[in-house]
C-alpha atoms as a PDB file:
ATOM      1  CA  GLN A   1     -11.871 -12.553  13.562  1.00  0.00           C
ATOM      2  CA  VAL A   2     -10.540 -13.107  10.336  1.00  0.00           C
ATOM      3  CA  GLN A   3      -8.409 -16.237   9.248  1.00  0.00           C
ATOM      4  CA  LEU A   4      -6.218 -15.891   6.125  1.00  0.00           C
ATOM      5  CA  VAL A   5      -4.517 -18.478   4.272  1.00  0.00           C
ATOM      6  CA  GLU A   6      -2.041 -18.577   1.821  1.00  0.00           C
ATOM      7  CA  SER A   7      -0.887 -21.267  -0.847  1.00  0.00           C
ATOM      8  CA  GLY A   8       0.745 -21.872  -3.727  1.00  0.00           C
ATOM      9  CA  GLY A   9       4.292 -20.863  -2.912  1.00  0.00           C
ATOM     10  CA  ASP A  10       7.199 -23.057  -4.439  1.00  0.00           C
ATOM     11  CA  LEU A  11      10.418 -23.338  -5.970  1.00  0.00           C
ATOM     12  CA  VAL A  12      10.824 -21.863  -9.342  1.00  0.00           C
ATOM     13  CA  GLN A  13      13.244 -21.227 -11.878  1.00  0.00           C
ATOM     14  CA  PRO A  14      14.534 -17.662 -12.889  1.00  0.00           C
ATOM     15  CA  GLY A  15      11.720 -16.481 -15.548  1.00  0.00           C
ATOM     16  CA  GLY A  16       9.000 -18.719 -14.465  1.00  0.00           C
ATOM     17  CA  SER A  17       5.506 -18.252 -12.875  1.00  0.00           C
ATOM     18  CA  LEU A  18       3.749 -18.482 -10.139  1.00  0.00           C
ATOM     19  CA  ARG A  19      -0.014 -17.666  -8.603  1.00  0.00           C
ATOM     20  CA  LEU A  20      -0.485 -17.321  -5.026  1.00  0.00           C
ATOM     21  CA  SER A  21      -3.743 -17.657  -3.522  1.00  0.00           C
ATOM     22  CA  CYS A  22      -5.070 -15.563  -0.019  1.00  0.00           C
ATOM     23  CA  ALA A  23      -8.415 -17.448   0.924  1.00  0.00           C
ATOM     24  CA  ALA A  24     -10.005 -15.499   3.605  1.00  0.00           C
ATOM     25  CA  SER A  25     -12.962 -16.836   6.406  1.00  0.00           C
ATOM     26  CA  ARG A  26     -14.923 -13.812   6.006  1.00  0.00           C
ATOM     27  CA  SER A  27     -16.285 -12.079   2.723  1.00  0.00           C
ATOM     28  CA  ILE A  28     -13.687  -9.540   1.326  1.00  0.00           C
ATOM     29  CA  VAL A  29     -16.375  -7.822  -0.165  1.00  0.00           C
ATOM     30  CA  SER A  30     -16.430  -5.775   3.530  1.00  0.00           C
ATOM     31  CA  SER A  31     -13.011  -5.569   3.387  1.00  0.00           C
ATOM     32  CA  ASN A  32     -11.575  -1.948   3.300  1.00  0.00           C
ATOM     33  CA  ALA A  33      -8.433  -3.259   1.492  1.00  0.00           C
ATOM     34  CA  MET A  34      -6.574  -6.359   0.438  1.00  0.00           C
ATOM     35  CA  GLY A  35      -2.834  -6.673   0.060  1.00  0.00           C
ATOM     36  CA  TRP A  36       0.234  -8.631  -0.496  1.00  0.00           C
ATOM     37  CA  TYR A  37       3.851  -8.533   1.454  1.00  0.00           C
ATOM     38  CA  ARG A  38       6.881 -10.561   1.565  1.00  0.00           C
ATOM     39  CA  GLN A  39       9.958 -10.473   3.502  1.00  0.00           C
ATOM     40  CA  ALA A  40      13.515 -11.604   2.342  1.00  0.00           C
ATOM     41  CA  PRO A  41      15.935 -13.360   4.574  1.00  0.00           C
ATOM     42  CA  GLY A  42      17.539 -10.298   6.856  1.00  0.00           C
ATOM     43  CA  LYS A  43      15.119  -7.698   5.270  1.00  0.00           C
ATOM     44  CA  ALA A  44      12.193  -5.602   6.769  1.00  0.00           C
ATOM     45  CA  ARG A  45       8.802  -7.091   5.536  1.00  0.00           C
ATOM     46  CA  GLU A  46       7.973  -4.862   2.475  1.00  0.00           C
ATOM     47  CA  LEU A  47       4.556  -3.928   0.389  1.00  0.00           C
ATOM     48  CA  VAL A  48       4.258  -5.979  -3.016  1.00  0.00           C
ATOM     49  CA  ALA A  49       0.303  -4.792  -4.098  1.00  0.00           C
ATOM     50  CA  SER A  50      -2.310  -3.780  -2.507  1.00  0.00           C
ATOM     51  CA  MET A  51      -6.072  -3.607  -3.635  1.00  0.00           C
ATOM     52  CA  PRO A  52      -8.013  -0.916  -1.414  1.00  0.00           C
ATOM     53  CA  SER A  53     -11.702  -1.365  -1.688  1.00  0.00           C
ATOM     54  CA  GLY A  54     -13.035   0.613  -5.031  1.00  0.00           C
ATOM     55  CA  GLY A  55      -9.603   2.334  -4.526  1.00  0.00           C
ATOM     56  CA  ILE A  56      -6.192   2.347  -7.218  1.00  0.00           C
ATOM     57  CA  ILE A  57      -4.043  -0.577  -7.273  1.00  0.00           C
ATOM     58  CA  ASN A  58      -0.518  -0.239  -6.094  1.00  0.00           C
ATOM     59  CA  TYR A  59       2.283  -1.951  -6.701  1.00  0.00           C
ATOM     60  CA  ALA A  60       5.823  -1.909  -5.535  1.00  0.00           C
ATOM     61  CA  ASP A  61       8.054  -0.511  -8.076  1.00  0.00           C
ATOM     62  CA  SER A  62      10.334  -3.569  -8.216  1.00  0.00           C
ATOM     63  CA  VAL A  63       7.248  -5.684  -9.410  1.00  0.00           C
ATOM     64  CA  LYS A  64       5.300  -3.081 -11.327  1.00  0.00           C
ATOM     65  CA  GLY A  65       4.423  -5.289 -15.427  1.00  0.00           C
ATOM     66  CA  ARG A  66       5.486  -8.559 -13.253  1.00  0.00           C
ATOM     67  CA  PHE A  67       2.809  -9.133 -10.814  1.00  0.00           C
ATOM     68  CA  ALA A  68      -1.050  -8.219 -10.551  1.00  0.00           C
ATOM     69  CA  ILE A  69      -3.184  -8.511  -7.501  1.00  0.00           C
ATOM     70  CA  SER A  70      -6.753  -9.799  -8.531  1.00  0.00           C
ATOM     71  CA  ARG A  71      -9.863 -11.336  -6.375  1.00  0.00           C
ATOM     72  CA  ASP A  72     -12.584 -13.648  -6.689  1.00  0.00           C
ATOM     73  CA  ILE A  73     -15.560 -11.883  -4.462  1.00  0.00           C
ATOM     74  CA  ALA A  74     -17.635 -15.764  -4.501  1.00  0.00           C
ATOM     75  CA  LYS A  75     -14.364 -17.279  -3.534  1.00  0.00           C
ATOM     76  CA  ASN A  76     -13.220 -14.800  -1.014  1.00  0.00           C
ATOM     77  CA  THR A  77      -9.906 -15.277  -1.998  1.00  0.00           C
ATOM     78  CA  VAL A  78      -7.347 -13.200  -3.300  1.00  0.00           C
ATOM     79  CA  TYR A  79      -4.081 -14.217  -5.668  1.00  0.00           C
ATOM     80  CA  LEU A  80      -1.139 -12.554  -6.375  1.00  0.00           C
ATOM     81  CA  GLN A  81       0.137 -13.501 -10.461  1.00  0.00           C
ATOM     82  CA  MET A  82       4.015 -13.342 -10.560  1.00  0.00           C
ATOM     83  CA  ASN A  83       5.414 -13.207 -13.604  1.00  0.00           C
ATOM     84  CA  SER A  84       9.410 -13.196 -14.748  1.00  0.00           C
ATOM     85  CA  LEU A  85      10.360 -14.228 -11.614  1.00  0.00           C
ATOM     86  CA  LYS A  86      13.666 -13.307 -10.622  1.00  0.00           C
ATOM     87  CA  PRO A  87      16.457 -14.520  -7.506  1.00  0.00           C
ATOM     88  CA  GLU A  88      15.568 -11.158  -5.815  1.00  0.00           C
ATOM     89  CA  ASP A  89      12.047 -12.436  -5.546  1.00  0.00           C
ATOM     90  CA  THR A  90      12.815 -14.958  -3.032  1.00  0.00           C
ATOM     91  CA  ALA A  91      10.989 -14.005   0.197  1.00  0.00           C
ATOM     92  CA  VAL A  92       8.160 -15.355   2.586  1.00  0.00           C
ATOM     93  CA  TYR A  93       4.773 -13.989   1.031  1.00  0.00           C
ATOM     94  CA  TYR A  94       2.108 -12.503   3.438  1.00  0.00           C
ATOM     95  CA  CYS A  95      -1.392 -11.357   2.871  1.00  0.00           C
ATOM     96  CA  LYS A  96      -2.718  -8.871   4.887  1.00  0.00           C
ATOM     97  CA  ALA A  97      -6.719  -7.848   4.898  1.00  0.00           C
ATOM     98  CA  ASN A  98      -8.132  -4.624   6.748  1.00  0.00           C
ATOM     99  CA  PHE A  99     -11.750  -4.997   7.878  1.00  0.00           C
ATOM    100  CA  ARG A 100     -12.893  -1.995   9.758  1.00  0.00           C
ATOM    101  CA  GLY A 101      -9.196  -0.600  10.416  1.00  0.00           C
ATOM    102  CA  THR A 102      -8.539  -4.476  12.329  1.00  0.00           C
ATOM    103  CA  TYR A 103      -5.478  -5.770  10.672  1.00  0.00           C
ATOM    104  CA  TYR A 104      -5.221  -9.552   9.873  1.00  0.00           C
ATOM    105  CA  TRP A 105      -1.893 -11.664   8.421  1.00  0.00           C
ATOM    106  CA  GLY A 106      -1.795 -14.711   6.990  1.00  0.00           C
ATOM    107  CA  GLN A 107       0.845 -17.595   8.176  1.00  0.00           C
ATOM    108  CA  GLY A 108       2.985 -16.953   4.730  1.00  0.00           C
ATOM    109  CA  THR A 109       3.943 -18.792   2.269  1.00  0.00           C
ATOM    110  CA  GLN A 110       7.435 -19.488   1.048  1.00  0.00           C
ATOM    111  CA  VAL A 111       8.440 -18.598  -2.625  1.00  0.00           C
ATOM    112  CA  THR A 112      12.216 -19.369  -3.925  1.00  0.00           C
ATOM    113  CA  VAL A 113      13.325 -18.182  -7.416  1.00  0.00           C
ATOM    114  CA  SER A 114      16.611 -20.259  -7.907  1.00  0.00           C
ATOM    115  CA  SER A 115      17.906 -22.271 -10.653  1.00  0.00           C
END
């Protein structure tokens, strides 16, 4: 079993920045992939960014050039740096991990972009 704990969500003005963190209870070096998803009210959950182990990082078109996924192996933590935030980025952001074909989700962290 793997626990994922997200943090960093907040209320921010348009154009602002936030950094989300996802702390894993297991070494992320052994993961097949880590990623961030988001779900806005009334909408389906969607991929924001994914980081396959040894693979190519993938971003949703809507966040390319503004968001960046990264990881700190020593801290077993994955980050999502979000810049130039827009109101349409408002959503609950979830961390997802794939460990040998078993998927785990965090509880989510709320990001609200509003003036």
